[in-house]
Amino acid sequence: MAQRRERHGRGLRGPLALPNPFTGNPVPLRARVQGAEYFTGCVQQAVARVSASCPRALVGIDVGVEDVPGVVSGWSRDRVPLAAAVGPVPPQHGQVVLYRRPLEHRARTRKGLRILVFRTLVEQLHALTEIPLEELDPEGWATDDDWE
């Protein structure tokens, strides 16, 4: 098999793994979950964790994701919001919106992103519902400094 090189920054050319010697079929490689999918998974895990520890915190609250915050007069160029919380106004539920790009930019690792998403969700739910942080996060992730 001739070796091929990466030309002009377009990525690798050719197979990354040799075929299976017994069947001759190419070996399937697992693709790593990218960007938005991973972030959505982090949000789902955070919501499930809060739901397991304090189900009443999510009653009447919708959790959503946006890529970036819209231009709001309440923030400056130096500080970009990571999330927004809007209280319930009948007939609408309360809302927590997590902003994907600012959170991804702030976290250094994937584990750090998971922790930061959970922390941000807990803080926003605490602000909306006034439920103590100890009840929302009994395991203490909100005080863990491992996200940096």
C-alpha atoms as a PDB file:
ATOM      1  CA  MET A   1       0.000   0.000   0.000  1.00  0.00           C
ATOM      2  CA  ALA A   2       1.436   3.347  -0.977  1.00  0.00           C
ATOM      3  CA  GLN A   3       1.665   5.945   1.735  1.00  0.00           C
ATOM      4  CA  ARG A   4      -0.264   9.093   1.115  1.00  0.00           C
ATOM      5  CA  ARG A   5       0.451  12.373   2.729  1.00  0.00           C
ATOM      6  CA  GLU A   6      -1.753  15.185   3.847  1.00  0.00           C
ATOM      7  CA  ARG A   7      -1.779  17.786   1.107  1.00  0.00           C
ATOM      8  CA  HIS A   8      -2.764  21.392   1.462  1.00  0.00           C
ATOM      9  CA  GLY A   9      -4.297  20.885   4.901  1.00  0.00           C
ATOM     10  CA  ARG A  10      -7.226  18.852   3.564  1.00  0.00           C
ATOM     11  CA  GLY A  11      -6.865  15.986   6.001  1.00  0.00           C
ATOM     12  CA  LEU A  12      -5.645  12.434   5.633  1.00  0.00           C
ATOM     13  CA  ARG A  13      -6.040  10.550   2.386  1.00  0.00           C
ATOM     14  CA  GLY A  14      -6.645   6.835   2.402  1.00  0.00           C
ATOM     15  CA  PRO A  15      -7.746   4.380   5.082  1.00  0.00           C
ATOM     16  CA  LEU A  16      -6.938   4.907   8.756  1.00  0.00           C
ATOM     17  CA  ALA A  17      -7.048   1.185   9.552  1.00  0.00           C
ATOM     18  CA  LEU A  18      -6.113  -1.890   7.573  1.00  0.00           C
ATOM     19  CA  PRO A  19      -8.884  -4.271   6.557  1.00  0.00           C
ATOM     20  CA  ASN A  20      -9.840  -7.126   8.855  1.00  0.00           C
ATOM     21  CA  PRO A  21      -7.459 -10.003   7.909  1.00  0.00           C
ATOM     22  CA  PHE A  22     -10.188 -12.628   8.295  1.00  0.00           C
ATOM     23  CA  THR A  23     -13.050 -11.017   6.380  1.00  0.00           C
ATOM     24  CA  GLY A  24     -11.281  -8.456   4.207  1.00  0.00           C
ATOM     25  CA  ASN A  25     -13.855  -5.823   5.229  1.00  0.00           C
ATOM     26  CA  PRO A  26     -12.689  -2.403   6.382  1.00  0.00           C
ATOM     27  CA  VAL A  27     -12.666  -1.867  10.123  1.00  0.00           C
ATOM     28  CA  PRO A  28     -15.360   0.652  11.104  1.00  0.00           C
ATOM     29  CA  LEU A  29     -14.061   3.522  13.201  1.00  0.00           C
ATOM     30  CA  ARG A  30     -16.229   5.189  15.806  1.00  0.00           C
ATOM     31  CA  ALA A  31     -16.713   8.861  15.180  1.00  0.00           C
ATOM     32  CA  ARG A  32     -16.319  11.174  18.143  1.00  0.00           C
ATOM     33  CA  VAL A  33     -19.450  13.106  19.007  1.00  0.00           C
ATOM     34  CA  GLN A  34     -18.871  16.673  17.870  1.00  0.00           C
ATOM     35  CA  GLY A  35     -19.812  20.160  19.082  1.00  0.00           C
ATOM     36  CA  ALA A  36     -23.536  20.701  19.340  1.00  0.00           C
ATOM     37  CA  GLU A  37     -24.361  17.015  19.870  1.00  0.00           C
ATOM     38  CA  TYR A  38     -21.963  16.743  22.783  1.00  0.00           C
ATOM     39  CA  PHE A  39     -23.232  19.966  24.326  1.00  0.00           C
ATOM     40  CA  THR A  40     -26.849  18.790  24.028  1.00  0.00           C
ATOM     41  CA  GLY A  41     -25.834  15.560  25.747  1.00  0.00           C
ATOM     42  CA  CYS A  42     -24.223  17.559  28.570  1.00  0.00           C
ATOM     43  CA  VAL A  43     -27.425  19.565  29.022  1.00  0.00           C
ATOM     44  CA  GLN A  44     -29.528  16.393  29.057  1.00  0.00           C
ATOM     45  CA  GLN A  45     -27.247  14.841  31.684  1.00  0.00           C
ATOM     46  CA  ALA A  46     -27.413  17.997  33.808  1.00  0.00           C
ATOM     47  CA  VAL A  47     -31.219  18.126  33.616  1.00  0.00           C
ATOM     48  CA  ALA A  48     -31.454  14.414  34.478  1.00  0.00           C
ATOM     49  CA  ARG A  49     -29.146  14.896  37.441  1.00  0.00           C
ATOM     50  CA  VAL A  50     -31.139  17.836  38.799  1.00  0.00           C
ATOM     51  CA  SER A  51     -34.365  15.947  38.165  1.00  0.00           C
ATOM     52  CA  ALA A  52     -33.066  12.979  40.170  1.00  0.00           C
ATOM     53  CA  SER A  53     -31.908  15.070  43.127  1.00  0.00           C
ATOM     54  CA  CYS A  54     -34.674  17.696  43.226  1.00  0.00           C
ATOM     55  CA  PRO A  55     -37.618  17.040  40.872  1.00  0.00           C
ATOM     56  CA  ARG A  56     -39.590  20.077  42.054  1.00  0.00           C
ATOM     57  CA  ALA A  57     -36.895  22.412  40.681  1.00  0.00           C
ATOM     58  CA  LEU A  58     -37.904  21.656  37.089  1.00  0.00           C
ATOM     59  CA  VAL A  59     -41.677  21.930  37.551  1.00  0.00           C
ATOM     60  CA  GLY A  60     -42.883  24.726  35.284  1.00  0.00           C
ATOM     61  CA  ILE A  61     -39.366  25.384  33.919  1.00  0.00           C
ATOM     62  CA  ASP A  62     -38.318  24.837  30.292  1.00  0.00           C
ATOM     63  CA  VAL A  63     -34.606  24.334  29.616  1.00  0.00           C
ATOM     64  CA  GLY A  64     -33.279  25.314  26.203  1.00  0.00           C
ATOM     65  CA  VAL A  65     -30.048  25.816  24.286  1.00  0.00           C
ATOM     66  CA  GLU A  66     -28.953  28.586  21.934  1.00  0.00           C
ATOM     67  CA  ASP A  67     -25.618  28.972  20.174  1.00  0.00           C
ATOM     68  CA  VAL A  68     -24.911  32.551  21.248  1.00  0.00           C
ATOM     69  CA  PRO A  69     -26.760  35.174  23.267  1.00  0.00           C
ATOM     70  CA  GLY A  70     -28.576  37.907  21.413  1.00  0.00           C
ATOM     71  CA  VAL A  71     -27.409  41.469  21.859  1.00  0.00           C
ATOM     72  CA  VAL A  72     -28.856  42.612  25.156  1.00  0.00           C
ATOM     73  CA  SER A  73     -28.352  46.036  26.677  1.00  0.00           C
ATOM     74  CA  GLY A  74     -27.543  44.511  30.091  1.00  0.00           C
ATOM     75  CA  TRP A  75     -24.110  43.122  29.226  1.00  0.00           C
ATOM     76  CA  SER A  76     -20.842  44.596  28.042  1.00  0.00           C
ATOM     77  CA  ARG A  77     -18.188  43.455  25.584  1.00  0.00           C
ATOM     78  CA  ASP A  78     -16.004  42.274  28.473  1.00  0.00           C
ATOM     79  CA  ARG A  79     -18.582  39.889  29.949  1.00  0.00           C
ATOM     80  CA  VAL A  80     -20.647  37.584  27.762  1.00  0.00           C
ATOM     81  CA  PRO A  81     -23.518  35.792  29.551  1.00  0.00           C
ATOM     82  CA  LEU A  82     -23.330  32.009  29.821  1.00  0.00           C
ATOM     83  CA  ALA A  83     -27.065  31.558  30.409  1.00  0.00           C
ATOM     84  CA  ALA A  84     -30.314  33.428  30.928  1.00  0.00           C
ATOM     85  CA  ALA A  85     -33.229  32.761  33.259  1.00  0.00           C
ATOM     86  CA  VAL A  86     -36.717  34.149  32.685  1.00  0.00           C
ATOM     87  CA  GLY A  87     -39.350  33.785  35.369  1.00  0.00           C
ATOM     88  CA  PRO A  88     -42.759  32.309  34.623  1.00  0.00           C
ATOM     89  CA  VAL A  89     -45.383  34.657  33.250  1.00  0.00           C
ATOM     90  CA  PRO A  90     -48.770  32.911  32.992  1.00  0.00           C
ATOM     91  CA  PRO A  91     -49.591  31.133  30.737  1.00  0.00           C
ATOM     92  CA  GLN A  92     -45.897  30.581  29.876  1.00  0.00           C
ATOM     93  CA  HIS A  93     -43.453  28.511  31.918  1.00  0.00           C
ATOM     94  CA  GLY A  94     -40.201  29.845  33.293  1.00  0.00           C
ATOM     95  CA  GLN A  95     -37.189  29.400  31.010  1.00  0.00           C
ATOM     96  CA  VAL A  96     -33.509  28.673  31.411  1.00  0.00           C
ATOM     97  CA  VAL A  97     -31.447  29.156  28.252  1.00  0.00           C
ATOM     98  CA  LEU A  98     -27.849  27.911  28.139  1.00  0.00           C
ATOM     99  CA  TYR A  99     -25.574  29.502  25.529  1.00  0.00           C
ATOM    100  CA  ARG A 100     -23.410  26.860  23.862  1.00  0.00           C
ATOM    101  CA  ARG A 101     -20.522  28.863  22.393  1.00  0.00           C
ATOM    102  CA  PRO A 102     -19.671  30.936  25.505  1.00  0.00           C
ATOM    103  CA  LEU A 103     -19.785  27.815  27.689  1.00  0.00           C
ATOM    104  CA  GLU A 104     -17.616  25.824  25.260  1.00  0.00           C
ATOM    105  CA  HIS A 105     -15.147  28.698  25.037  1.00  0.00           C
ATOM    106  CA  ARG A 106     -14.856  28.895  28.808  1.00  0.00           C
ATOM    107  CA  ALA A 107     -14.266  25.178  29.457  1.00  0.00           C
ATOM    108  CA  ARG A 108     -10.844  23.674  28.761  1.00  0.00           C
ATOM    109  CA  THR A 109     -11.837  20.001  28.552  1.00  0.00           C
ATOM    110  CA  ARG A 110     -14.933  17.947  27.803  1.00  0.00           C
ATOM    111  CA  LYS A 111     -15.218  16.984  31.459  1.00  0.00           C
ATOM    112  CA  GLY A 112     -14.894  20.659  32.328  1.00  0.00           C
ATOM    113  CA  LEU A 113     -17.703  21.493  29.910  1.00  0.00           C
ATOM    114  CA  ARG A 114     -19.959  18.894  31.540  1.00  0.00           C
ATOM    115  CA  ILE A 115     -19.268  20.358  34.977  1.00  0.00           C
ATOM    116  CA  LEU A 116     -19.684  23.950  33.788  1.00  0.00           C
ATOM    117  CA  VAL A 117     -23.023  23.179  32.109  1.00  0.00           C
ATOM    118  CA  PHE A 118     -24.267  21.536  35.299  1.00  0.00           C
ATOM    119  CA  ARG A 119     -23.037  24.416  37.460  1.00  0.00           C
ATOM    120  CA  THR A 120     -24.649  26.999  35.208  1.00  0.00           C
ATOM    121  CA  LEU A 121     -27.968  25.134  35.164  1.00  0.00           C
ATOM    122  CA  VAL A 122     -27.962  24.802  38.963  1.00  0.00           C
ATOM    123  CA  GLU A 123     -27.213  28.509  39.422  1.00  0.00           C
ATOM    124  CA  GLN A 124     -29.989  29.545  37.041  1.00  0.00           C
ATOM    125  CA  LEU A 125     -32.516  27.206  38.687  1.00  0.00           C
ATOM    126  CA  HIS A 126     -31.479  28.530  42.098  1.00  0.00           C
ATOM    127  CA  ALA A 127     -32.079  32.094  40.887  1.00  0.00           C
ATOM    128  CA  LEU A 128     -35.519  31.204  39.482  1.00  0.00           C
ATOM    129  CA  THR A 129     -36.860  28.914  42.194  1.00  0.00           C
ATOM    130  CA  GLU A 130     -34.869  30.034  45.266  1.00  0.00           C
ATOM    131  CA  ILE A 131     -34.320  26.369  46.141  1.00  0.00           C
ATOM    132  CA  PRO A 132     -31.078  26.025  48.172  1.00  0.00           C
ATOM    133  CA  LEU A 133     -27.999  24.944  46.226  1.00  0.00           C
ATOM    134  CA  GLU A 134     -27.491  22.031  48.627  1.00  0.00           C
ATOM    135  CA  GLU A 135     -30.858  20.610  47.583  1.00  0.00           C
ATOM    136  CA  LEU A 136     -30.275  21.156  43.853  1.00  0.00           C
ATOM    137  CA  ASP A 137     -26.747  19.765  44.016  1.00  0.00           C
ATOM    138  CA  PRO A 138     -26.381  17.387  46.991  1.00  0.00           C
ATOM    139  CA  GLU A 139     -23.092  15.923  45.669  1.00  0.00           C
ATOM    140  CA  GLY A 140     -21.394  19.309  45.564  1.00  0.00           C
ATOM    141  CA  TRP A 141     -20.464  19.650  41.873  1.00  0.00           C
ATOM    142  CA  ALA A 142     -21.320  23.326  42.009  1.00  0.00           C
ATOM    143  CA  THR A 143     -18.314  23.843  44.271  1.00  0.00           C
ATOM    144  CA  ASP A 144     -15.936  21.561  42.333  1.00  0.00           C
ATOM    145  CA  ASP A 145     -13.066  23.453  40.669  1.00  0.00           C
ATOM    146  CA  ASP A 146     -12.241  20.656  38.222  1.00  0.00           C
ATOM    147  CA  TRP A 147     -13.798  22.445  35.242  1.00  0.00           C
ATOM    148  CA  GLU A 148     -10.846  24.751  34.589  1.00  0.00           C
END
